[in-house]
């Protein structure tokens, strides 16, 4: 198994952090590329981050309500 970090994506010119609004999956869930994983919010926008790989949600690094800088890890995904 290969581990991949799910990162907070770059959100535009001025956003430097996002708040984890809700997880749309559970630890241990099998996901496919394009599966919505987590909803993030900034002062201006709310958006969903999708999986970039087929795999398993191994571990949440951030919990709901956490304020996370752009580029920091949200979760660990495992792929084969």
PDB file of N, CA and C in Angstrom:
ATOM      1  N   UNK A   1       0.838  -1.200   0.000  1.00  0.00           N
ATOM      2  CA  UNK A   1       0.000   0.000   0.000  1.00  0.00           C
ATOM      3  C   UNK A   1       0.871   1.247   0.000  1.00  0.00           C
ATOM      4  N   UNK A   2       0.439   2.207  -0.780  1.00  0.00           N
ATOM      5  CA  UNK A   2       1.116   3.500  -0.839  1.00  0.00           C
ATOM      6  C   UNK A   2       0.235   4.513  -0.129  1.00  0.00           C
ATOM      7  N   UNK A   3       0.839   5.362   0.714  1.00  0.00           N
ATOM      8  CA  UNK A   3       0.067   6.389   1.410  1.00  0.00           C
ATOM      9  C   UNK A   3       0.196   7.725   0.700  1.00  0.00           C
ATOM     10  N   UNK A   4      -0.939   8.395   0.535  1.00  0.00           N
ATOM     11  CA  UNK A   4      -0.996   9.701  -0.125  1.00  0.00           C
ATOM     12  C   UNK A   4      -1.716  10.664   0.813  1.00  0.00           C
ATOM     13  N   UNK A   5      -1.161  11.862   0.968  1.00  0.00           N
ATOM     14  CA  UNK A   5      -1.812  12.875   1.793  1.00  0.00           C
ATOM     15  C   UNK A   5      -2.833  13.651   0.963  1.00  0.00           C
ATOM     16  N   UNK A   6      -4.011  13.841   1.527  1.00  0.00           N
ATOM     17  CA  UNK A   6      -5.018  14.731   0.950  1.00  0.00           C
ATOM     18  C   UNK A   6      -4.730  16.114   1.517  1.00  0.00           C
ATOM     19  N   UNK A   7      -4.404  17.069   0.647  1.00  0.00           N
ATOM     20  CA  UNK A   7      -3.981  18.393   1.080  1.00  0.00           C
ATOM     21  C   UNK A   7      -5.067  19.436   0.864  1.00  0.00           C
ATOM     22  N   UNK A   8      -5.008  20.519   1.651  1.00  0.00           N
ATOM     23  CA  UNK A   8      -5.873  21.668   1.408  1.00  0.00           C
ATOM     24  C   UNK A   8      -5.373  22.316   0.114  1.00  0.00           C
ATOM     25  N   UNK A   9      -6.233  22.381  -0.912  1.00  0.00           N
ATOM     26  CA  UNK A   9      -5.782  22.953  -2.190  1.00  0.00           C
ATOM     27  C   UNK A   9      -5.645  24.467  -2.117  1.00  0.00           C
ATOM     28  N   UNK A  10      -4.894  25.018  -3.064  1.00  0.00           N
ATOM     29  CA  UNK A  10      -4.822  26.478  -3.200  1.00  0.00           C
ATOM     30  C   UNK A  10      -6.210  26.974  -3.566  1.00  0.00           C
ATOM     31  N   UNK A  11      -6.692  27.972  -2.849  1.00  0.00           N
ATOM     32  CA  UNK A  11      -8.092  28.373  -2.944  1.00  0.00           C
ATOM     33  C   UNK A  11      -8.316  29.712  -3.614  1.00  0.00           C
ATOM     34  N   UNK A  12      -7.323  30.257  -4.242  1.00  0.00           N
ATOM     35  CA  UNK A  12      -7.457  31.580  -4.837  1.00  0.00           C
ATOM     36  C   UNK A  12      -6.330  32.469  -4.354  1.00  0.00           C
ATOM     37  N   UNK A  13      -6.368  33.701  -4.773  1.00  0.00           N
ATOM     38  CA  UNK A  13      -5.263  34.624  -4.510  1.00  0.00           C
ATOM     39  C   UNK A  13      -5.058  34.928  -3.028  1.00  0.00           C
ATOM     40  N   UNK A  14      -6.139  35.128  -2.281  1.00  0.00           N
ATOM     41  CA  UNK A  14      -5.972  35.655  -0.930  1.00  0.00           C
ATOM     42  C   UNK A  14      -6.272  34.659   0.188  1.00  0.00           C
ATOM     43  N   UNK A  15      -6.813  33.505  -0.124  1.00  0.00           N
ATOM     44  CA  UNK A  15      -7.141  32.529   0.927  1.00  0.00           C
ATOM     45  C   UNK A  15      -5.866  31.806   1.359  1.00  0.00           C
ATOM     46  N   UNK A  16      -5.591  31.822   2.665  1.00  0.00           N
ATOM     47  CA  UNK A  16      -4.392  31.164   3.177  1.00  0.00           C
ATOM     48  C   UNK A  16      -4.734  29.987   4.090  1.00  0.00           C
ATOM     49  N   UNK A  17      -6.031  29.829   4.384  1.00  0.00           N
ATOM     50  CA  UNK A  17      -6.458  28.737   5.247  1.00  0.00           C
ATOM     51  C   UNK A  17      -7.927  28.422   4.969  1.00  0.00           C
ATOM     52  N   UNK A  18      -8.350  27.249   5.428  1.00  0.00           N
ATOM     53  CA  UNK A  18      -9.746  26.825   5.284  1.00  0.00           C
ATOM     54  C   UNK A  18     -10.159  26.078   6.548  1.00  0.00           C
ATOM     55  N   UNK A  19     -11.444  26.099   6.816  1.00  0.00           N
ATOM     56  CA  UNK A  19     -12.000  25.376   7.957  1.00  0.00           C
ATOM     57  C   UNK A  19     -12.662  24.097   7.460  1.00  0.00           C
ATOM     58  N   UNK A  20     -12.402  22.989   8.169  1.00  0.00           N
ATOM     59  CA  UNK A  20     -13.046  21.719   7.834  1.00  0.00           C
ATOM     60  C   UNK A  20     -14.504  21.819   8.289  1.00  0.00           C
ATOM     61  N   UNK A  21     -15.424  21.894   7.316  1.00  0.00           N
ATOM     62  CA  UNK A  21     -16.851  22.030   7.632  1.00  0.00           C
ATOM     63  C   UNK A  21     -17.474  20.666   7.922  1.00  0.00           C
ATOM     64  N   UNK A  22     -17.136  19.659   7.094  1.00  0.00           N
ATOM     65  CA  UNK A  22     -17.670  18.312   7.335  1.00  0.00           C
ATOM     66  C   UNK A  22     -16.909  17.298   6.501  1.00  0.00           C
ATOM     67  N   UNK A  23     -16.771  16.113   7.073  1.00  0.00           N
ATOM     68  CA  UNK A  23     -16.247  14.971   6.333  1.00  0.00           C
ATOM     69  C   UNK A  23     -17.420  14.286   5.662  1.00  0.00           C
ATOM     70  N   UNK A  24     -17.271  13.932   4.394  1.00  0.00           N
ATOM     71  CA  UNK A  24     -18.337  13.301   3.625  1.00  0.00           C
ATOM     72  C   UNK A  24     -18.132  11.792   3.522  1.00  0.00           C
ATOM     73  N   UNK A  25     -17.048  11.302   4.114  1.00  0.00           N
ATOM     74  CA  UNK A  25     -16.717   9.875   4.167  1.00  0.00           C
ATOM     75  C   UNK A  25     -16.281   9.551   5.593  1.00  0.00           C
ATOM     76  N   UNK A  26     -16.074   8.276   5.875  1.00  0.00           N
ATOM     77  CA  UNK A  26     -15.595   7.830   7.179  1.00  0.00           C
ATOM     78  C   UNK A  26     -14.233   7.175   7.020  1.00  0.00           C
ATOM     79  N   UNK A  27     -13.462   7.157   8.097  1.00  0.00           N
ATOM     80  CA  UNK A  27     -12.212   6.408   8.076  1.00  0.00           C
ATOM     81  C   UNK A  27     -12.537   4.961   7.733  1.00  0.00           C
ATOM     82  N   UNK A  28     -11.723   4.364   6.864  1.00  0.00           N
ATOM     83  CA  UNK A  28     -11.941   2.980   6.455  1.00  0.00           C
ATOM     84  C   UNK A  28     -12.764   2.834   5.192  1.00  0.00           C
ATOM     85  N   UNK A  29     -13.412   3.926   4.738  1.00  0.00           N
ATOM     86  CA  UNK A  29     -14.222   3.865   3.515  1.00  0.00           C
ATOM     87  C   UNK A  29     -13.334   3.679   2.291  1.00  0.00           C
ATOM     88  N   UNK A  30     -13.820   2.876   1.353  1.00  0.00           N
ATOM     89  CA  UNK A  30     -13.168   2.741   0.048  1.00  0.00           C
ATOM     90  C   UNK A  30     -13.728   3.843  -0.849  1.00  0.00           C
ATOM     91  N   UNK A  31     -12.844   4.568  -1.532  1.00  0.00           N
ATOM     92  CA  UNK A  31     -13.260   5.669  -2.395  1.00  0.00           C
ATOM     93  C   UNK A  31     -12.650   5.504  -3.784  1.00  0.00           C
ATOM     94  N   UNK A  32     -13.284   6.132  -4.749  1.00  0.00           N
ATOM     95  CA  UNK A  32     -12.783   6.148  -6.121  1.00  0.00           C
ATOM     96  C   UNK A  32     -12.375   7.569  -6.471  1.00  0.00           C
ATOM     97  N   UNK A  33     -11.548   7.706  -7.490  1.00  0.00           N
ATOM     98  CA  UNK A  33     -11.160   9.030  -7.960  1.00  0.00           C
ATOM     99  C   UNK A  33     -12.432   9.813  -8.261  1.00  0.00           C
ATOM    100  N   UNK A  34     -12.504  11.041  -7.745  1.00  0.00           N
ATOM    101  CA  UNK A  34     -13.676  11.884  -7.949  1.00  0.00           C
ATOM    102  C   UNK A  34     -14.694  11.825  -6.819  1.00  0.00           C
ATOM    103  N   UNK A  35     -14.506  10.910  -5.863  1.00  0.00           N
ATOM    104  CA  UNK A  35     -15.423  10.824  -4.719  1.00  0.00           C
ATOM    105  C   UNK A  35     -15.274  12.067  -3.844  1.00  0.00           C
ATOM    106  N   UNK A  36     -16.374  12.770  -3.521  1.00  0.00           N
ATOM    107  CA  UNK A  36     -16.287  13.903  -2.593  1.00  0.00           C
ATOM    108  C   UNK A  36     -15.859  13.412  -1.208  1.00  0.00           C
ATOM    109  N   UNK A  37     -14.823  14.041  -0.648  1.00  0.00           N
ATOM    110  CA  UNK A  37     -14.278  13.595   0.637  1.00  0.00           C
ATOM    111  C   UNK A  37     -14.578  14.541   1.786  1.00  0.00           C
ATOM    112  N   UNK A  38     -14.371  15.829   1.558  1.00  0.00           N
ATOM    113  CA  UNK A  38     -14.466  16.785   2.660  1.00  0.00           C
ATOM    114  C   UNK A  38     -14.959  18.127   2.133  1.00  0.00           C
ATOM    115  N   UNK A  39     -15.774  18.793   2.954  1.00  0.00           N
ATOM    116  CA  UNK A  39     -16.231  20.147   2.625  1.00  0.00           C
ATOM    117  C   UNK A  39     -15.404  21.138   3.431  1.00  0.00           C
ATOM    118  N   UNK A  40     -14.813  22.099   2.725  1.00  0.00           N
ATOM    119  CA  UNK A  40     -14.013  23.138   3.362  1.00  0.00           C
ATOM    120  C   UNK A  40     -14.699  24.484   3.176  1.00  0.00           C
ATOM    121  N   UNK A  41     -14.455  25.398   4.121  1.00  0.00           N
ATOM    122  CA  UNK A  41     -15.015  26.748   4.037  1.00  0.00           C
ATOM    123  C   UNK A  41     -13.915  27.771   4.261  1.00  0.00           C
ATOM    124  N   UNK A  42     -14.007  28.865   3.501  1.00  0.00           N
ATOM    125  CA  UNK A  42     -13.177  30.044   3.753  1.00  0.00           C
ATOM    126  C   UNK A  42     -14.132  31.183   4.063  1.00  0.00           C
ATOM    127  N   UNK A  43     -13.592  32.371   4.248  1.00  0.00           N
ATOM    128  CA  UNK A  43     -14.460  33.519   4.506  1.00  0.00           C
ATOM    129  C   UNK A  43     -15.404  33.780   3.345  1.00  0.00           C
ATOM    130  N   UNK A  44     -14.970  33.407   2.129  1.00  0.00           N
ATOM    131  CA  UNK A  44     -15.741  33.764   0.937  1.00  0.00           C
ATOM    132  C   UNK A  44     -16.470  32.603   0.275  1.00  0.00           C
ATOM    133  N   UNK A  45     -16.012  31.376   0.464  1.00  0.00           N
ATOM    134  CA  UNK A  45     -16.547  30.272  -0.332  1.00  0.00           C
ATOM    135  C   UNK A  45     -16.542  28.965   0.460  1.00  0.00           C
ATOM    136  N   UNK A  46     -17.459  28.095   0.081  1.00  0.00           N
ATOM    137  CA  UNK A  46     -17.513  26.735   0.595  1.00  0.00           C
ATOM    138  C   UNK A  46     -17.327  25.809  -0.601  1.00  0.00           C
ATOM    139  N   UNK A  47     -16.507  24.771  -0.454  1.00  0.00           N
ATOM    140  CA  UNK A  47     -16.276  23.878  -1.584  1.00  0.00           C
ATOM    141  C   UNK A  47     -15.922  22.482  -1.102  1.00  0.00           C
ATOM    142  N   UNK A  48     -15.999  21.529  -2.021  1.00  0.00           N
ATOM    143  CA  UNK A  48     -15.750  20.122  -1.716  1.00  0.00           C
ATOM    144  C   UNK A  48     -14.442  19.689  -2.370  1.00  0.00           C
ATOM    145  N   UNK A  49     -13.632  18.967  -1.606  1.00  0.00           N
ATOM    146  CA  UNK A  49     -12.397  18.389  -2.138  1.00  0.00           C
ATOM    147  C   UNK A  49     -12.679  16.929  -2.461  1.00  0.00           C
ATOM    148  N   UNK A  50     -12.328  16.531  -3.693  1.00  0.00           N
ATOM    149  CA  UNK A  50     -12.561  15.164  -4.151  1.00  0.00           C
ATOM    150  C   UNK A  50     -11.277  14.349  -4.082  1.00  0.00           C
ATOM    151  N   UNK A  51     -11.439  13.040  -4.044  1.00  0.00           N
ATOM    152  CA  UNK A  51     -10.290  12.144  -4.074  1.00  0.00           C
ATOM    153  C   UNK A  51      -9.618  12.197  -5.434  1.00  0.00           C
ATOM    154  N   UNK A  52      -8.298  12.202  -5.424  1.00  0.00           N
ATOM    155  CA  UNK A  52      -7.534  12.180  -6.672  1.00  0.00           C
ATOM    156  C   UNK A  52      -7.125  10.760  -7.048  1.00  0.00           C
ATOM    157  N   UNK A  53      -7.450   9.795  -6.175  1.00  0.00           N
ATOM    158  CA  UNK A  53      -7.031   8.398  -6.395  1.00  0.00           C
ATOM    159  C   UNK A  53      -8.135   7.427  -5.973  1.00  0.00           C
ATOM    160  N   UNK A  54      -8.035   6.195  -6.430  1.00  0.00           N
ATOM    161  CA  UNK A  54      -8.834   5.098  -5.891  1.00  0.00           C
ATOM    162  C   UNK A  54      -8.092   4.590  -4.662  1.00  0.00           C
ATOM    163  N   UNK A  55      -8.800   4.341  -3.574  1.00  0.00           N
ATOM    164  CA  UNK A  55      -8.115   3.843  -2.385  1.00  0.00           C
ATOM    165  C   UNK A  55      -9.030   3.775  -1.186  1.00  0.00           C
ATOM    166  N   UNK A  56      -8.395   3.811  -0.009  1.00  0.00           N
ATOM    167  CA  UNK A  56      -9.099   3.726   1.271  1.00  0.00           C
ATOM    168  C   UNK A  56      -8.722   4.943   2.110  1.00  0.00           C
ATOM    169  N   UNK A  57      -9.727   5.511   2.788  1.00  0.00           N
ATOM    170  CA  UNK A  57      -9.477   6.616   3.714  1.00  0.00           C
ATOM    171  C   UNK A  57      -8.862   5.996   4.976  1.00  0.00           C
ATOM    172  N   UNK A  58      -7.551   6.133   5.112  1.00  0.00           N
ATOM    173  CA  UNK A  58      -6.850   5.477   6.217  1.00  0.00           C
ATOM    174  C   UNK A  58      -7.001   6.230   7.538  1.00  0.00           C
ATOM    175  N   UNK A  59      -6.893   7.573   7.473  1.00  0.00           N
ATOM    176  CA  UNK A  59      -6.897   8.341   8.716  1.00  0.00           C
ATOM    177  C   UNK A  59      -7.228   9.801   8.442  1.00  0.00           C
ATOM    178  N   UNK A  60      -8.087  10.382   9.287  1.00  0.00           N
ATOM    179  CA  UNK A  60      -8.307  11.824   9.261  1.00  0.00           C
ATOM    180  C   UNK A  60      -7.190  12.468  10.086  1.00  0.00           C
ATOM    181  N   UNK A  61      -6.543  13.466   9.545  1.00  0.00           N
ATOM    182  CA  UNK A  61      -5.540  14.222  10.292  1.00  0.00           C
ATOM    183  C   UNK A  61      -6.203  15.428  10.957  1.00  0.00           C
ATOM    184  N   UNK A  62      -7.195  15.995  10.275  1.00  0.00           N
ATOM    185  CA  UNK A  62      -7.914  17.166  10.791  1.00  0.00           C
ATOM    186  C   UNK A  62      -9.360  16.797  11.091  1.00  0.00           C
ATOM    187  N   UNK A  63      -9.891  17.346  12.157  1.00  0.00           N
ATOM    188  CA  UNK A  63     -11.275  17.094  12.541  1.00  0.00           C
ATOM    189  C   UNK A  63     -12.152  18.279  12.135  1.00  0.00           C
ATOM    190  N   UNK A  64     -13.455  18.072  12.147  1.00  0.00           N
ATOM    191  CA  UNK A  64     -14.413  19.135  11.833  1.00  0.00           C
ATOM    192  C   UNK A  64     -14.161  20.320  12.767  1.00  0.00           C
ATOM    193  N   UNK A  65     -14.119  21.495  12.169  1.00  0.00           N
ATOM    194  CA  UNK A  65     -13.885  22.721  12.930  1.00  0.00           C
ATOM    195  C   UNK A  65     -12.440  23.183  12.900  1.00  0.00           C
ATOM    196  N   UNK A  66     -11.527  22.317  12.482  1.00  0.00           N
ATOM    197  CA  UNK A  66     -10.112  22.681  12.436  1.00  0.00           C
ATOM    198  C   UNK A  66      -9.869  23.715  11.340  1.00  0.00           C
ATOM    199  N   UNK A  67      -9.013  24.686  11.632  1.00  0.00           N
ATOM    200  CA  UNK A  67      -8.587  25.680  10.651  1.00  0.00           C
ATOM    201  C   UNK A  67      -7.216  25.229  10.150  1.00  0.00           C
ATOM    202  N   UNK A  68      -7.139  24.980   8.832  1.00  0.00           N
ATOM    203  CA  UNK A  68      -5.964  24.335   8.257  1.00  0.00           C
ATOM    204  C   UNK A  68      -5.355  25.220   7.167  1.00  0.00           C
ATOM    205  N   UNK A  69      -4.053  25.495   7.236  1.00  0.00           N
ATOM    206  CA  UNK A  69      -3.403  26.289   6.197  1.00  0.00           C
ATOM    207  C   UNK A  69      -3.408  25.577   4.847  1.00  0.00           C
ATOM    208  N   UNK A  70      -3.444  26.362   3.765  1.00  0.00           N
ATOM    209  CA  UNK A  70      -3.339  25.817   2.413  1.00  0.00           C
ATOM    210  C   UNK A  70      -2.044  25.001   2.322  1.00  0.00           C
ATOM    211  N   UNK A  71      -2.154  23.808   1.740  1.00  0.00           N
ATOM    212  CA  UNK A  71      -0.989  22.937   1.577  1.00  0.00           C
ATOM    213  C   UNK A  71      -0.796  21.936   2.688  1.00  0.00           C
ATOM    214  N   UNK A  72      -1.488  22.106   3.816  1.00  0.00           N
ATOM    215  CA  UNK A  72      -1.378  21.150   4.920  1.00  0.00           C
ATOM    216  C   UNK A  72      -2.268  19.934   4.671  1.00  0.00           C
ATOM    217  N   UNK A  73      -1.926  18.835   5.313  1.00  0.00           N
ATOM    218  CA  UNK A  73      -2.641  17.574   5.109  1.00  0.00           C
ATOM    219  C   UNK A  73      -3.960  17.543   5.887  1.00  0.00           C
ATOM    220  N   UNK A  74      -4.984  16.985   5.231  1.00  0.00           N
ATOM    221  CA  UNK A  74      -6.302  16.782   5.844  1.00  0.00           C
ATOM    222  C   UNK A  74      -6.500  15.335   6.257  1.00  0.00           C
ATOM    223  N   UNK A  75      -6.002  14.403   5.423  1.00  0.00           N
ATOM    224  CA  UNK A  75      -6.211  12.977   5.661  1.00  0.00           C
ATOM    225  C   UNK A  75      -5.136  12.186   4.940  1.00  0.00           C
ATOM    226  N   UNK A  76      -5.049  10.908   5.295  1.00  0.00           N
ATOM    227  CA  UNK A  76      -4.155   9.968   4.614  1.00  0.00           C
ATOM    228  C   UNK A  76      -5.026   8.970   3.834  1.00  0.00           C
ATOM    229  N   UNK A  77      -4.733   8.815   2.558  1.00  0.00           N
ATOM    230  CA  UNK A  77      -5.393   7.808   1.726  1.00  0.00           C
ATOM    231  C   UNK A  77      -4.375   6.722   1.406  1.00  0.00           C
ATOM    232  N   UNK A  78      -4.831   5.476   1.352  1.00  0.00           N
ATOM    233  CA  UNK A  78      -3.974   4.355   0.967  1.00  0.00           C
ATOM    234  C   UNK A  78      -4.409   3.847  -0.379  1.00  0.00           C
ATOM    235  N   UNK A  79      -3.436   3.637  -1.267  1.00  0.00           N
ATOM    236  CA  UNK A  79      -3.717   3.078  -2.586  1.00  0.00           C
ATOM    237  C   UNK A  79      -2.881   1.818  -2.773  1.00  0.00           C
ATOM    238  N   UNK A  80      -3.305   1.000  -3.717  1.00  0.00           N
ATOM    239  CA  UNK A  80      -2.562  -0.240  -3.976  1.00  0.00           C
ATOM    240  C   UNK A  80      -1.467   0.012  -5.004  1.00  0.00           C
TER     241      UNK A  80
END
